[in-house]
Each structure stands twice: as C-alpha cells, then as structure tokens.
C-alpha cells in the first residue's frame, strides 16, 4: 500500500531507465509432463516444510508439484525471459521486448491464459532513500517485561497482553516468519536488528521484483514493519517476536502499482513454503492500479477472484499462517478493504490507537460475500519503529498493526504447537475484546494473548465455567458451532437462529453447558443467535465462512 508521494517518485525513477519491458503472467493448462513426483517431495520441499506438514497431517498434492520444465523451456526458445514460476497457480512470469511476441504464446496448446501485468524496467533503479515519520531520540522508559524492558515497544505489546507470553518464555524462538514488503533498508546494519543478525536468525533474503535487486538498498517500509517484531534493544525497543527467525522478500515494486506484484507475492509465498516458514506477514494490499483497467471492483473482494487471495488461502492449506493488513482506505471514497485481506483463511488486521479506538484510516468490510473483515485489530497509531538511517520514528498504519499481530501469533504458536493455522486464528478471535459483539470496524477486536495462551482448544468448556457466559465458538464457523451457556445464566431456555434479514431458520430448547450446533448446508454469511431464558435475552452475531 503506497503513499501518495510514490507517484512523483515513479515519474522520476522510470524516466531514467534505458529500456522498459513487457511483463506477462502465462498460465498453463496442466502439469502433465512434470518431471517431479508426489512420491519424492524432498525434491521440491525442504525438510522443515515437510515436517510442518507432517505435524499438521497435511498431504503433499498436485499443487505442490513444480511447473512443467518443458513448458518453460518452450517459452525460452521463443525468446521470452522467464523470471519465476508459481506452482500453486501453475504458470510463470515472463519478460517480452515486444507485445506482439505474446500472440504466438497464447496459441500454444499448453497455455491457458496470458495477462499483461506491467510495463517497466528490467533492472533495479538507482538506490533511493525513503524514510517515513518524525525522528525522536531513543530513551529508556520508566519490572522485567514491563516498560523499562520493552521501551518503545511496550504500548502495543501491553495492549495485547503479550507480556504474559514473553514472561512464560515464549518470544518466538524456533518459529520462522516470512516478511513480504517493498524493501528493508538498513536491516543489515541497524543496531535494532543486531541480535537477529549476530545469532543468524535472518535465514534468507530474496528480491522477487528485480533479478539483480538488493533488498537492503531501497525502501524503508519493510524496515519499519520488521522492527515491530524483530527489534531487540532492551530498555529502548523490543518487538513482539524478538527470538523468532526471519526471511525477507521484496515483492512490492516501490515505483509502480501493477497486478504483477500479486504474482511476485505468490512466488515468494511458495518460496517461504519450501523453506518451511510458519507465518507469512504482509503489510501490502491491492485494489487500484496504475492501469485502471486492472482495478478491482467491490464485488470482486470475495476471496476467490484475486490471484493473491486465492494463493493466500492455498498457503494456509499448506500449514502456514498468513497475516495481512486490512488496508488504510477507511477514509477513501468509496471505502474498501484490499486484496488479499478478503481471503477466507487470512488473518486480516485493522488498526486502533493505544486506547483501543478504531483508527479512522483503517479499512473495513464486509467482503463481497458478507464476511467480517478485519478479523482482529492491533495498535497502528503513533507506533514507534526503527528508522533505516538510525534512531527511531513514529508511524501510523495497518502496515504496523499486522506485523505486531504476526509476532504475537508466532509466540502463541510456540506455546500451542499442536494447533493448525485455522485453530490458532479461531483461538485468538475467541479472546478478542469484541468477540461477542463483532463489528465491521474491529472484527473480533483486540485479542488477549495472555488468556489465549492458557486456553488451548477446545475453548468451549472453559468458556462455560463463567457463570454468566453465553458464547459461540468457533466464530467464524464452518459446518458447526459450539454454544457455551454458563450454569448461572439459566436453568432452561430457547436458542433461535436468524439470518441477516431476521428470518427464523430454526429454534431448539437448551440447558446450561456446551452444545454443538450443526450449520452444514447453510449459505456463508452473517447470522444472529438469540438465547431466551429466565435471566433475559442474549443475542450474538455468528459468521459462517
């Protein structure tokens, strides 16, 4: 998600390029002639990726097979330059000197689709320094795991009750977080990242925008994002996952806004999958592009249309947690969330201030198919971040709330390694400050990670211990939902399910305790569950996805 001034830099940067090339997405019809086999996944997936899948009982399937090398070679023989492939969507990104070269490509029997994504420079432009925010001097703040330990990172961690996770020994150790962004200037030399670098917890870096690119040479957005998780300077600034390991990927082209960036991200996600990453966090999103013909429309924000959204859900199906900022278009006209925050299985994060008030700029849903987004929120107003040139600065945006959340999710997953990504997200949603009055601006609200770490799934029995409880879990739900009714709330009563229009779907008598309600066959969307009992009437929102 670029700032307005990017457009000015775009004109200046592109003007100095010697030659632009056409960049296309070429989708293939099949993988029928691939030389890889499902019986030998170690040929294309690393040991940590295979271990992650075994732990979550995920089988390797045809989506994991690399693109057919014969198809790639045929394109190269036609004079096209292949930048990278994406196995999940079964295609490649190619560079062409002339547009008329692609007519013959489209006629090939194994080519399903050809899409122009971008016209731009082949090589990385001269280094530019972009740093956002006002510098402020680092200083020591006024208990272990308290203000004097976290420094500038304390407000956002305290808000999420993350200090409890850290004090329990869960700071992300052993977890691998992939960060996809526009650039990470200064990360290789900044003191804030010294512990990560010295302990060799920066596992890899890769540029998916330019083949000869240097992720440390341009743009500071990723630097700011990374610092909210990885920074470790006790007394000055400690991030949400200071002991995790990281992989940095440039997928965002800082001088253009095109559909190609979606495919850059998809290729990076597959790369992170092969390395065995546990979490992908991305503070980027797409809706409008330099070429207005590429723009999305509100009815396409359904999690099934944008390639990046489709791929994000595939990434979750491979066992990775995907965390994405919901967008900074809360004040736009029309307001909208961004791709891939519309994806069903992505944990989409909005922004609040230190008092828990929704940031005016934070995007919100619902999605085109009426699902609640964002899922949760974290601090994204006046957040301290590491500046690439030294020192610290304040910044705003869902670009910061998403990695803050991702770092805490890494710590929670370290605490509860038996959970899969969906269960992990359901757990965090259930302990959100808005879990029982879900709204479009904050979703399930600000999660309480201290409570989540003490409540491994299933949570329903624990919820029912509260005498006044009437809670639904999981929410959003798929084919079933558990209803926890506290023993003090009633002796007997009636549950009624209504659709969004108020039409009654079913009713049933209930007593206190935990009951499983089957939702199979109902359309996705928002519903109301109403409990009527001697103590009163309680209504909860329920989302089916």
Protein backbone atom coordinates (compact mmCIF):
# COMPACT_ATOMS: atom_id res chain seq x y z
CA UNK A 1 0.00 0.00 0.00
CA UNK A 2 1.83 3.03 -1.26
CA UNK A 3 1.74 6.60 -0.01
CA UNK A 4 0.57 9.36 -2.32
CA UNK A 5 4.07 10.67 -2.96
CA UNK A 6 5.03 7.43 -4.68
CA UNK A 7 3.51 8.78 -7.90
CA UNK A 8 6.04 11.63 -8.04
CA UNK A 9 8.96 9.30 -7.46
CA UNK A 10 7.58 6.94 -10.07
CA UNK A 11 7.87 9.51 -12.84
CA UNK A 12 11.37 10.47 -11.80
CA UNK A 13 12.63 6.92 -11.48
CA UNK A 14 11.13 5.42 -14.61
CA UNK A 15 12.35 8.30 -16.76
CA UNK A 16 15.97 7.30 -16.25
CA UNK A 17 15.52 3.69 -17.32
CA UNK A 18 17.18 2.79 -20.60
CA UNK A 19 14.51 0.34 -21.71
CA UNK A 20 11.23 -0.96 -20.40
CA UNK A 21 9.98 -4.49 -20.98
CA UNK A 22 6.52 -6.04 -21.02
CA UNK A 23 5.86 -8.38 -18.11
CA UNK A 24 3.24 -11.10 -18.51
CA UNK A 25 1.62 -13.79 -16.46
CA UNK A 26 1.33 -17.01 -18.50
CA UNK A 27 -0.92 -19.69 -17.01
CA UNK A 28 -0.59 -23.32 -18.08
CA UNK A 29 -3.32 -25.91 -18.63
CA UNK A 30 -1.75 -28.75 -16.63
CA UNK A 31 1.36 -30.28 -15.07
CA UNK A 32 1.06 -33.47 -17.06
CA UNK A 33 4.66 -33.55 -18.24
CA UNK A 34 6.32 -32.53 -14.98
CA UNK A 35 9.46 -34.42 -14.09
CA UNK A 36 8.62 -34.28 -10.36
CA UNK A 37 6.66 -36.83 -8.37
CA UNK A 38 4.40 -36.81 -5.32
CA UNK A 39 6.40 -39.81 -4.11
CA UNK A 40 9.56 -37.69 -3.75
CA UNK A 41 8.53 -34.36 -2.20
CA UNK A 42 12.02 -33.73 -0.83
CA UNK A 43 12.99 -32.79 -4.40
CA UNK A 44 10.96 -29.58 -4.16
CA UNK A 45 10.15 -29.06 -0.45
CA UNK A 46 12.69 -28.54 2.29
CA UNK A 47 12.85 -30.74 5.43
CA UNK A 48 11.24 -28.11 7.62
CA UNK A 49 8.33 -27.75 5.19
CA UNK A 50 7.78 -31.50 5.20
CA UNK A 51 7.99 -31.60 9.00
CA UNK A 52 5.39 -28.83 9.27
CA UNK A 53 3.01 -30.73 7.01
CA UNK A 54 3.52 -33.99 8.88
CA UNK A 55 2.80 -32.25 12.18
CA UNK A 56 -0.47 -30.87 10.79
CA UNK A 57 -1.36 -34.05 8.86
CA UNK A 58 -1.25 -32.26 5.50
CA UNK A 59 -0.54 -34.43 2.48
CA UNK A 60 1.58 -33.28 -0.44
CA UNK A 61 -0.63 -32.90 -3.52
CA UNK A 62 -0.52 -31.74 -7.13
CA UNK A 63 -0.45 -28.07 -6.11
CA UNK A 64 2.99 -28.69 -4.66
CA UNK A 65 4.44 -30.05 -7.89
CA UNK A 66 6.65 -27.52 -9.72
CA UNK A 67 5.61 -26.19 -13.11
CA UNK A 68 6.45 -28.41 -16.08
CA UNK A 69 10.02 -27.58 -17.16
CA UNK A 70 9.24 -28.49 -20.78
CA UNK A 71 6.67 -25.71 -20.96
CA UNK A 72 9.17 -23.24 -19.52
CA UNK A 73 11.83 -24.28 -21.99
CA UNK A 74 9.39 -23.86 -24.90
CA UNK A 75 8.79 -20.25 -23.86
CA UNK A 76 12.52 -19.59 -23.62
CA UNK A 77 13.02 -20.99 -27.11
CA UNK A 78 10.55 -18.35 -28.34
CA UNK A 79 12.83 -15.61 -26.98
CA UNK A 80 10.99 -14.93 -23.72
CA UNK A 81 12.79 -14.42 -20.43
CA UNK A 82 11.23 -16.38 -17.55
CA UNK A 83 11.57 -14.58 -14.22
CA UNK A 84 9.93 -17.11 -11.92
CA UNK A 85 7.24 -19.78 -11.75
CA UNK A 86 4.33 -20.31 -9.39
CA UNK A 87 3.31 -23.90 -8.88
CA UNK A 88 0.13 -23.17 -6.91
CA UNK A 89 -1.41 -21.26 -9.84
CA UNK A 90 0.57 -23.27 -12.43
CA UNK A 91 2.23 -20.58 -14.51
CA UNK A 92 5.19 -18.28 -14.98
CA UNK A 93 6.01 -14.59 -15.21
CA UNK A 94 7.89 -13.74 -18.40
CA UNK A 95 9.51 -10.62 -19.88
CA UNK A 96 8.97 -9.74 -23.52
CA UNK A 97 10.67 -6.99 -25.54
CA UNK A 98 7.60 -6.59 -27.79
CA UNK A 99 3.91 -7.20 -27.15
CA UNK A 100 3.33 -8.96 -30.46
CA UNK A 101 5.51 -11.85 -29.24
CA UNK A 102 2.66 -12.97 -26.99
CA UNK A 103 0.17 -13.80 -29.76
CA UNK A 104 2.12 -16.96 -30.58
CA UNK A 105 2.40 -17.80 -26.89
CA UNK A 106 -1.37 -17.72 -26.46
CA UNK A 107 -1.70 -20.19 -29.33
CA UNK A 108 0.42 -22.85 -27.62
CA UNK A 109 -1.62 -25.95 -26.67
CA UNK A 110 -0.40 -25.94 -23.05
CA UNK A 111 -1.13 -22.22 -22.42
CA UNK A 112 -4.41 -21.44 -20.65
CA UNK A 113 -4.15 -17.67 -20.22
CA UNK A 114 -1.89 -14.71 -20.95
CA UNK A 115 -2.20 -11.49 -18.95
CA UNK A 116 -0.23 -8.26 -19.30
CA UNK A 117 0.74 -7.25 -15.76
CA UNK A 118 3.25 -4.44 -16.13
CA UNK A 119 5.45 -2.44 -18.46
CA UNK A 120 8.53 -1.31 -16.62
CA UNK A 121 12.29 -1.52 -16.10
CA UNK A 122 14.04 -4.86 -16.12
CA UNK A 123 16.66 -3.80 -13.59
CA UNK A 124 16.51 -2.17 -10.20
CA UNK A 125 16.68 1.63 -10.43
CA UNK A 126 19.29 3.65 -8.59
CA UNK A 127 19.02 3.45 -4.83
CA UNK A 128 16.55 5.81 -3.21
CA UNK A 129 16.12 6.52 0.47
CA UNK A 130 12.59 6.69 1.74
CA UNK A 131 12.01 7.11 5.43
CA UNK A 132 8.64 7.99 6.90
CA UNK A 133 7.87 9.72 10.14
CA UNK A 134 9.48 12.13 12.53
CA UNK A 135 12.69 11.11 14.26
CA UNK A 136 12.76 11.03 18.02
CA UNK A 137 15.69 10.20 20.31
CA UNK A 138 15.89 6.72 21.77
CA UNK A 139 15.48 6.67 25.52
CA UNK A 140 14.96 4.29 28.42
CA UNK A 141 11.39 4.13 29.72
CA UNK A 142 10.27 4.06 33.38
CA UNK A 143 9.51 -4.82 36.27
CA UNK A 144 11.10 -7.33 33.85
CA UNK A 145 8.80 -7.48 30.79
CA UNK A 146 7.48 -4.05 31.71
CA UNK A 147 8.02 -0.56 30.29
CA UNK A 148 11.70 -0.42 31.19
CA UNK A 149 12.31 -3.67 29.27
CA UNK A 150 10.21 -3.09 26.14
CA UNK A 151 10.90 0.63 25.76
CA UNK A 152 9.11 1.96 22.70
CA UNK A 153 7.53 -1.43 22.00
CA UNK A 154 5.64 -1.50 25.30
CA UNK A 155 2.30 0.14 24.35
CA UNK A 156 1.41 -2.30 21.57
CA UNK A 157 2.55 -5.39 23.49
CA UNK A 158 0.76 -4.35 26.67
CA UNK A 159 -2.45 -3.73 24.71
CA UNK A 160 -2.41 -7.37 23.50
CA UNK A 161 -1.40 -8.72 26.93
CA UNK A 162 1.66 -10.13 25.21
CA UNK A 163 3.91 -9.63 28.21
CA UNK A 164 2.45 -12.82 29.72
CA UNK A 165 3.57 -14.86 26.71
CA UNK A 166 7.07 -13.41 26.82
CA UNK A 167 7.42 -13.86 30.57
CA UNK A 168 6.41 -17.51 30.11
CA UNK A 169 9.39 -17.99 27.80
CA UNK A 170 7.51 -17.65 24.52
CA UNK A 171 9.23 -14.99 22.42
CA UNK A 172 9.02 -16.73 19.04
CA UNK A 173 12.05 -18.98 19.40
CA UNK A 174 12.03 -21.74 16.78
CA UNK A 175 9.36 -20.01 14.68
CA UNK A 176 10.11 -18.76 11.15
CA UNK A 177 8.33 -15.63 9.92
CA UNK A 178 8.43 -14.59 6.27
CA UNK A 179 8.05 -10.87 5.64
CA UNK A 180 6.93 -9.67 2.19
CA UNK A 181 7.39 -5.95 1.62
CA UNK A 182 8.88 -3.18 -0.53
CA UNK A 183 12.41 -3.13 0.91
CA UNK A 184 14.42 -3.45 4.09
CA UNK A 185 16.91 -0.64 4.00
CA UNK A 186 19.35 -0.68 6.92
CA UNK A 187 18.28 -4.07 8.33
CA UNK A 188 21.77 -5.46 7.68
CA UNK A 189 23.49 -2.73 9.72
CA UNK A 190 20.97 -1.26 12.16
CA UNK A 191 21.60 -1.86 15.86
CA UNK A 192 17.92 -2.72 16.37
CA UNK A 193 18.45 -5.89 14.31
CA UNK A 194 21.88 -6.70 15.73
CA UNK A 195 20.72 -9.69 17.80
CA UNK A 196 18.85 -11.19 14.84
CA UNK A 197 21.88 -10.83 12.56
CA UNK A 198 24.52 -11.92 15.06
CA UNK A 199 22.54 -15.01 16.05
CA UNK A 200 21.98 -15.93 12.37
CA UNK A 201 18.22 -15.73 12.72
CA UNK A 202 17.94 -13.87 9.42
CA UNK A 203 17.75 -17.05 7.39
CA UNK A 204 17.46 -15.69 3.86
CA UNK A 205 16.60 -12.64 1.74
CA UNK A 206 15.28 -12.59 -1.81
CA UNK A 207 14.14 -9.99 -4.31
CA UNK A 208 11.15 -11.04 -6.45
CA UNK A 209 10.84 -7.65 -8.16
CA UNK A 210 14.28 -7.29 -9.74
CA UNK A 211 16.61 -10.16 -10.56
CA UNK A 212 19.65 -8.08 -9.61
CA UNK A 213 17.92 -6.32 -6.74
CA UNK A 214 19.30 -5.70 -3.26
CA UNK A 215 16.56 -5.74 -0.61
CA UNK A 216 18.72 -3.59 1.67
CA UNK A 217 19.28 -0.87 -0.94
CA UNK A 218 15.83 0.61 -1.41
CA UNK A 219 12.84 1.49 0.74
CA UNK A 220 12.30 1.52 4.47
CA UNK A 221 8.71 0.30 4.77
CA UNK A 222 9.85 -3.26 5.40
CA UNK A 223 12.40 -1.97 7.91
CA UNK A 224 9.65 -0.38 9.95
CA UNK A 225 7.46 -3.47 9.66
CA UNK A 226 10.25 -5.85 10.70
CA UNK A 227 11.25 -3.73 13.69
CA UNK A 228 7.85 -4.16 15.36
CA UNK A 229 8.61 -7.90 15.57
CA UNK A 230 12.36 -8.47 15.45
CA UNK A 231 13.94 -5.45 17.17
CA UNK A 232 15.77 -6.31 20.39
CA UNK A 233 17.30 -3.48 22.38
CA UNK A 234 16.11 -3.93 25.97
CA UNK A 235 15.31 -0.59 27.54
CA UNK A 236 14.94 1.07 24.15
CA UNK A 237 12.77 -1.17 21.96
CA UNK A 238 11.75 -4.85 22.00
CA UNK A 239 9.42 -6.25 19.32
CA UNK A 240 6.62 -8.80 19.60
CA UNK A 241 8.73 -11.80 18.45
CA UNK A 242 12.34 -10.91 19.30
CA UNK A 243 13.57 -14.54 19.29
CA UNK A 244 11.96 -15.67 16.02
CA UNK A 245 13.84 -16.29 12.78
CA UNK A 246 13.04 -14.30 9.66
CA UNK A 247 13.09 -14.50 5.86
CA UNK A 248 12.79 -11.20 3.96
CA UNK A 249 11.24 -10.99 0.49
CA UNK A 250 10.78 -7.93 -1.70
CA UNK A 251 7.52 -8.43 -3.57
CA UNK A 252 6.31 -4.82 -3.80
CA UNK A 253 7.64 -2.64 -6.60
CA UNK A 254 8.07 0.78 -4.92
CA UNK A 255 7.84 2.67 -8.20
CA UNK A 256 4.75 1.06 -9.74
CA UNK A 257 1.40 -0.42 -8.79
CA UNK A 258 0.50 -3.35 -11.03
CA UNK A 259 -1.01 -6.82 -10.97
CA UNK A 260 2.50 -8.23 -11.33
CA UNK A 261 3.05 -7.55 -7.63
CA UNK A 262 0.41 -10.13 -6.81
CA UNK A 263 2.39 -12.78 -8.66
CA UNK A 264 5.59 -11.59 -7.00
CA UNK A 265 3.93 -12.29 -3.67
CA UNK A 266 2.66 -15.70 -4.79
CA UNK A 267 6.15 -16.73 -5.88
CA UNK A 268 7.52 -15.52 -2.55
CA UNK A 269 4.84 -17.42 -0.61
CA UNK A 270 5.80 -20.62 -2.42
CA UNK A 271 9.45 -19.93 -1.67
CA UNK A 272 8.64 -19.43 2.01
CA UNK A 273 6.59 -22.62 1.99
CA UNK A 274 9.53 -24.58 0.58
CA UNK A 275 11.79 -23.20 3.32
CA UNK A 276 9.34 -24.29 6.00
CA UNK A 277 8.17 -20.86 7.17
CA UNK A 278 5.43 -20.91 9.80
CA UNK A 279 4.00 -17.43 9.22
CA UNK A 280 3.80 -15.01 6.30
CA UNK A 281 3.10 -11.41 7.27
CA UNK A 282 2.42 -8.81 4.62
CA UNK A 283 1.73 -5.11 5.06
CA UNK A 284 0.69 -4.66 1.45
CA UNK A 285 -2.64 -4.71 -0.31
CA UNK A 286 -4.08 -4.12 -3.76
CA UNK A 287 -7.25 -2.65 -5.18
CA UNK A 288 -6.40 0.17 -7.64
CA UNK A 289 -3.50 0.12 -10.09
CA UNK A 290 -1.58 2.46 -12.38
CA UNK A 291 -3.64 0.99 -15.23
CA UNK A 292 -7.26 1.50 -14.19
CA UNK A 293 -8.30 -1.47 -16.34
CA UNK A 294 -6.56 -3.68 -13.80
CA UNK A 295 -8.55 -2.27 -10.86
CA UNK A 296 -10.70 -4.49 -8.69
CA UNK A 297 -14.34 -3.72 -8.01
CA UNK A 298 -16.14 -4.17 -4.66
CA UNK A 299 -17.96 -7.27 -5.85
CA UNK A 300 -14.61 -8.93 -6.61
CA UNK A 301 -13.45 -8.71 -2.98
CA UNK A 302 -14.82 -12.17 -2.27
CA UNK A 303 -11.59 -14.07 -1.53
CA UNK A 304 -11.98 -16.09 -4.72
CA UNK A 305 -11.24 -13.59 -7.50
CA UNK A 306 -7.80 -12.03 -6.93
CA UNK A 307 -4.92 -14.44 -7.61
CA UNK A 308 -3.16 -13.25 -4.45
CA UNK A 309 -6.22 -14.04 -2.31
CA UNK A 310 -6.58 -17.49 -3.85
CA UNK A 311 -2.89 -18.15 -3.22
CA UNK A 312 -3.09 -16.86 0.35
CA UNK A 313 -5.73 -19.46 1.18
CA UNK A 314 -3.60 -22.11 -0.52
CA UNK A 315 -0.69 -21.04 1.69
CA UNK A 316 -2.84 -21.68 4.75
CA UNK A 317 -3.81 -25.08 3.35
CA UNK A 318 -0.06 -25.88 3.27
CA UNK A 319 0.09 -25.25 7.03
CA UNK A 320 1.26 -21.62 7.14
CA UNK A 321 -0.46 -18.78 8.97
CA UNK A 322 -0.99 -15.75 6.72
CA UNK A 323 -1.36 -12.36 8.43
CA UNK A 324 -2.22 -9.32 6.30
CA UNK A 325 -3.03 -5.68 6.92
CA UNK A 326 -6.63 -4.91 6.01
CA UNK A 327 -5.74 -1.58 4.35
CA UNK A 328 -5.57 2.16 5.02
CA UNK A 329 -8.61 3.17 2.95
CA UNK A 330 -11.06 3.79 5.77
CA UNK A 331 -11.45 7.40 4.65
CA UNK A 332 -11.41 6.66 0.92
CA UNK A 333 -14.45 7.13 -1.27
CA UNK A 334 -15.67 4.52 -1.64
CA UNK A 335 -14.15 2.85 1.42
CA UNK A 336 -12.82 -0.64 0.74
CA UNK A 337 -10.53 -3.30 2.09
CA UNK A 338 -7.69 -4.67 -0.01
CA UNK A 339 -6.56 -7.91 -1.60
CA UNK A 340 -5.63 -10.39 -0.05
CA UNK A 341 -7.29 -9.25 3.19
CA UNK A 342 -10.54 -10.53 1.66
CA UNK A 343 -9.31 -14.14 1.69
CA UNK A 344 -11.24 -16.50 3.92
CA UNK A 345 -8.36 -18.05 5.85
CA UNK A 346 -6.14 -14.97 6.10
CA UNK A 347 -5.96 -13.25 9.49
CA UNK A 348 -6.72 -9.68 8.40
CA UNK A 349 -5.67 -6.98 10.86
CA UNK A 350 -7.06 -3.50 11.34
CA UNK A 351 -5.64 -0.61 13.38
CA UNK A 352 -6.58 1.02 16.69
CA UNK A 353 -4.88 3.63 18.85
CA UNK A 354 -3.41 2.98 22.30
CA UNK A 355 -6.85 3.47 23.88
CA UNK A 356 -8.46 0.86 21.62
CA UNK A 357 -10.29 3.35 19.39
CA UNK A 358 -10.56 2.43 15.72
CA UNK A 359 -8.13 4.37 13.54
CA UNK A 360 -10.05 6.49 11.04
CA UNK A 361 -7.83 5.27 8.19
CA UNK A 362 -8.31 1.57 8.94
CA UNK A 363 -10.25 -0.24 6.18
CA UNK A 364 -13.18 -2.48 6.99
CA UNK A 365 -15.59 -4.87 5.34
CA UNK A 366 -17.70 -6.75 4.90
CA UNK A 367 -16.32 -8.71 1.98
CA UNK A 368 -18.39 -9.06 -1.17
CA UNK A 369 -19.86 -12.28 0.23
CA UNK A 370 -20.66 -10.60 3.59
CA UNK A 371 -17.84 -11.95 5.76
CA UNK A 372 -16.48 -9.85 8.63
CA UNK A 373 -13.12 -8.21 7.99
CA UNK A 374 -10.86 -7.27 9.67
CA UNK A 375 -10.65 -10.35 11.89
CA UNK A 376 -8.81 -8.59 14.72
CA UNK A 377 -7.07 -5.29 15.44
CA UNK A 378 -3.82 -4.11 16.99
CA UNK A 379 -2.15 -0.78 17.59
CA UNK A 380 -1.47 1.13 14.38
CA UNK A 381 -1.47 4.75 15.56
CA UNK A 382 1.67 6.51 16.78
CA UNK A 383 3.72 3.30 16.75
CA UNK A 384 7.46 3.55 17.34
CA UNK A 385 9.55 1.89 14.61
CA UNK A 386 13.23 1.66 13.70
CA UNK A 387 14.34 4.22 11.13
CA UNK A 388 16.67 2.95 8.40
CA UNK A 389 19.10 5.83 8.90
CA UNK A 390 19.38 5.38 12.65
CA UNK A 391 17.26 6.29 15.61
CA UNK A 392 13.55 5.79 15.84
CA UNK A 393 10.43 7.37 14.42
CA UNK A 394 6.69 7.34 14.86
CA UNK A 395 4.42 5.91 12.18
CA UNK A 396 0.78 5.06 11.54
CA UNK A 397 -0.98 2.39 9.52
CA UNK A 398 -2.36 -1.11 9.37
CA UNK A 399 1.10 -1.79 7.94
CA UNK A 400 2.23 -1.81 11.58
CA UNK A 401 -0.74 -3.45 13.27
CA UNK A 402 -0.37 -6.56 11.05
CA UNK A 403 3.27 -7.39 11.96
CA UNK A 404 2.64 -6.55 15.61
CA UNK A 405 -0.11 -9.19 15.49
CA UNK A 406 2.02 -11.63 13.47
CA UNK A 407 4.80 -11.50 16.06
CA UNK A 408 2.39 -12.27 18.88
CA UNK A 409 0.86 -15.09 16.84
CA UNK A 410 4.33 -16.61 16.48
CA UNK A 411 4.76 -16.56 20.25
CA UNK A 412 1.33 -18.09 20.79
CA UNK A 413 2.03 -20.83 18.23
CA UNK A 414 5.29 -21.57 20.03
CA UNK A 415 3.17 -22.02 23.17
CA UNK A 416 0.48 -24.12 21.41
CA UNK A 417 2.35 -26.00 18.65
CA UNK A 418 -0.40 -28.64 18.28
CA UNK A 419 -2.78 -26.12 16.69
CA UNK A 420 -3.13 -25.63 12.94
CA UNK A 421 -3.40 -22.10 11.45
CA UNK A 422 -7.22 -22.08 11.44
CA UNK A 423 -7.39 -23.24 15.05
CA UNK A 424 -4.81 -20.66 16.06
CA UNK A 425 -6.87 -17.87 14.44
CA UNK A 426 -10.09 -19.17 15.98
CA UNK A 427 -8.45 -19.15 19.41
CA UNK A 428 -7.30 -15.55 19.02
CA UNK A 429 -10.67 -14.41 17.69
CA UNK A 430 -12.46 -16.04 20.61
CA UNK A 431 -10.40 -14.00 23.07
CA UNK A 432 -10.93 -10.73 21.22
CA UNK A 433 -12.39 -7.75 23.05
CA UNK A 434 -15.33 -7.68 20.59
CA UNK A 435 -15.84 -11.46 20.34
CA UNK A 436 -19.45 -11.21 21.49
CA UNK A 437 -20.36 -8.03 19.67
CA UNK A 438 -18.41 -8.45 16.44
CA UNK A 439 -18.50 -5.38 14.21
CA UNK A 440 -17.18 -4.43 10.80
CA UNK A 441 -14.58 -1.95 12.03
CA UNK A 442 -12.74 -4.09 14.60
CA UNK A 443 -13.98 -7.59 13.83
CA UNK A 444 -13.32 -9.61 16.97
CA UNK A 445 -11.40 -6.73 18.49
CA UNK A 446 -8.12 -6.67 20.42
CA UNK A 447 -7.04 -10.24 21.32
CA UNK A 448 -5.93 -11.10 24.84
CA UNK A 449 -2.87 -13.28 24.26
CA UNK A 450 -2.44 -13.88 27.96
CA UNK A 451 -5.80 -15.66 28.11
CA UNK A 452 -5.30 -17.38 24.77
CA UNK A 453 -2.00 -18.96 25.90
CA UNK A 454 -3.75 -20.56 28.88
CA UNK A 455 -6.71 -21.88 26.87
CA UNK A 456 -5.70 -24.48 24.30
CA UNK A 457 -8.54 -25.71 22.11
CA UNK A 458 -11.29 -26.60 22.56
CA UNK A 459 -12.18 -23.45 24.46
CA UNK A 460 -15.90 -24.03 24.86
CA UNK A 461 -15.71 -26.00 28.11
CA UNK A 462 -13.53 -23.30 29.67
CA UNK A 463 -15.91 -20.59 28.50
CA UNK A 464 -18.85 -22.35 30.13
CA UNK A 465 -17.12 -22.15 33.52
CA UNK A 466 -18.08 -18.47 33.57
CA UNK A 467 -21.49 -18.43 35.26
CA UNK A 468 -22.82 -15.62 33.06
CA UNK A 469 -21.40 -16.94 29.80
CA UNK A 470 -23.24 -17.24 26.52
CA UNK A 471 -20.56 -17.69 23.87
CA UNK A 472 -20.21 -19.21 20.42
CA UNK A 473 -17.08 -20.98 19.27
CA UNK A 474 -15.56 -21.08 16.70
CA UNK A 475 -16.77 -17.83 15.24
CA UNK A 476 -16.47 -17.55 12.24
CA UNK A 477 -17.64 -21.15 11.93
CA UNK A 478 -17.77 -23.62 9.06
CA UNK A 479 -20.03 -26.66 9.50
CA UNK A 480 -20.63 -26.50 13.23
CA UNK A 481 -20.52 -24.12 16.17
CA UNK A 482 -20.31 -24.85 19.87
CA UNK A 483 -22.60 -22.89 22.17
CA UNK A 484 -21.33 -22.46 25.74
CA UNK A 485 -24.04 -21.46 28.22
CA UNK A 486 -22.96 -20.68 31.77
CA UNK A 487 -24.67 -22.52 34.61
CA UNK A 488 -25.70 -19.26 36.25
CA UNK A 489 -27.36 -17.86 33.16
CA UNK A 490 -30.40 -20.15 33.14
CA UNK A 491 -31.95 -23.46 34.00
CA UNK A 492 -33.52 -23.86 30.58
CA UNK A 493 -34.22 -21.67 27.59
CA UNK A 494 -34.54 -21.48 23.83
CA UNK A 495 -31.99 -20.85 21.10
CA UNK A 496 -33.18 -19.31 17.83
CA UNK A 497 -31.09 -18.84 14.67
CA UNK A 498 -31.97 -15.92 12.35
CA UNK A 499 -30.46 -14.95 9.02
CA UNK A 500 -29.29 -11.38 8.33
CA UNK A 501 -32.81 -10.31 7.29
CA UNK A 502 -34.35 -11.53 10.55
CA UNK A 503 -35.93 -14.68 9.07
CA UNK A 504 -36.05 -17.53 11.60
CA UNK A 505 -34.15 -20.61 10.43
CA UNK A 506 -34.57 -22.91 13.45
CA UNK A 507 -35.20 -22.94 17.19
CA UNK A 508 -34.42 -25.53 19.86
CA UNK A 509 -34.73 -25.89 23.65
CA UNK A 510 -31.40 -25.83 25.52
CA UNK A 511 -29.95 -26.06 29.01
CA UNK A 512 -26.68 -24.88 30.52
CA UNK A 513 -23.41 -26.43 29.36
CA UNK A 514 -21.77 -26.85 25.95
CA UNK A 515 -23.80 -27.87 22.93
CA UNK A 516 -22.75 -28.46 19.34
CA UNK A 517 -24.99 -26.89 16.69
CA UNK A 518 -24.75 -28.14 13.11
CA UNK A 519 -24.62 -25.44 10.42
CA UNK A 520 -23.97 -27.70 7.42
CA UNK A 521 -25.91 -26.65 4.34
CA UNK A 522 -26.41 -23.03 5.35
CA UNK A 523 -25.03 -20.32 2.99
CA UNK A 524 -21.97 -18.36 4.05
CA UNK A 525 -22.68 -15.03 5.67
CA UNK A 526 -23.82 -13.37 8.89
CA UNK A 527 -26.46 -14.78 11.24
CA UNK A 528 -27.93 -13.98 14.67
CA UNK A 529 -28.19 -16.49 17.51
CA UNK A 530 -30.63 -15.50 20.27
CA UNK A 531 -30.85 -17.15 23.67
CA UNK A 532 -34.06 -16.50 25.64
CA UNK A 533 -34.07 -17.60 29.29
CA UNK A 534 -35.27 -16.58 32.73
CA UNK A 535 -32.42 -14.09 33.15
CA UNK A 536 -33.15 -12.28 29.91
CA UNK A 537 -32.46 -12.32 26.18
CA UNK A 538 -28.90 -12.56 24.81
CA UNK A 539 -28.06 -12.06 21.13
CA UNK A 540 -24.78 -12.90 19.42
CA UNK A 541 -23.55 -12.50 15.85
CA UNK A 542 -22.41 -15.65 14.09
CA UNK A 543 -20.44 -15.69 10.85
CA UNK A 544 -20.37 -18.77 8.60
CA UNK A 545 -17.49 -18.94 6.14
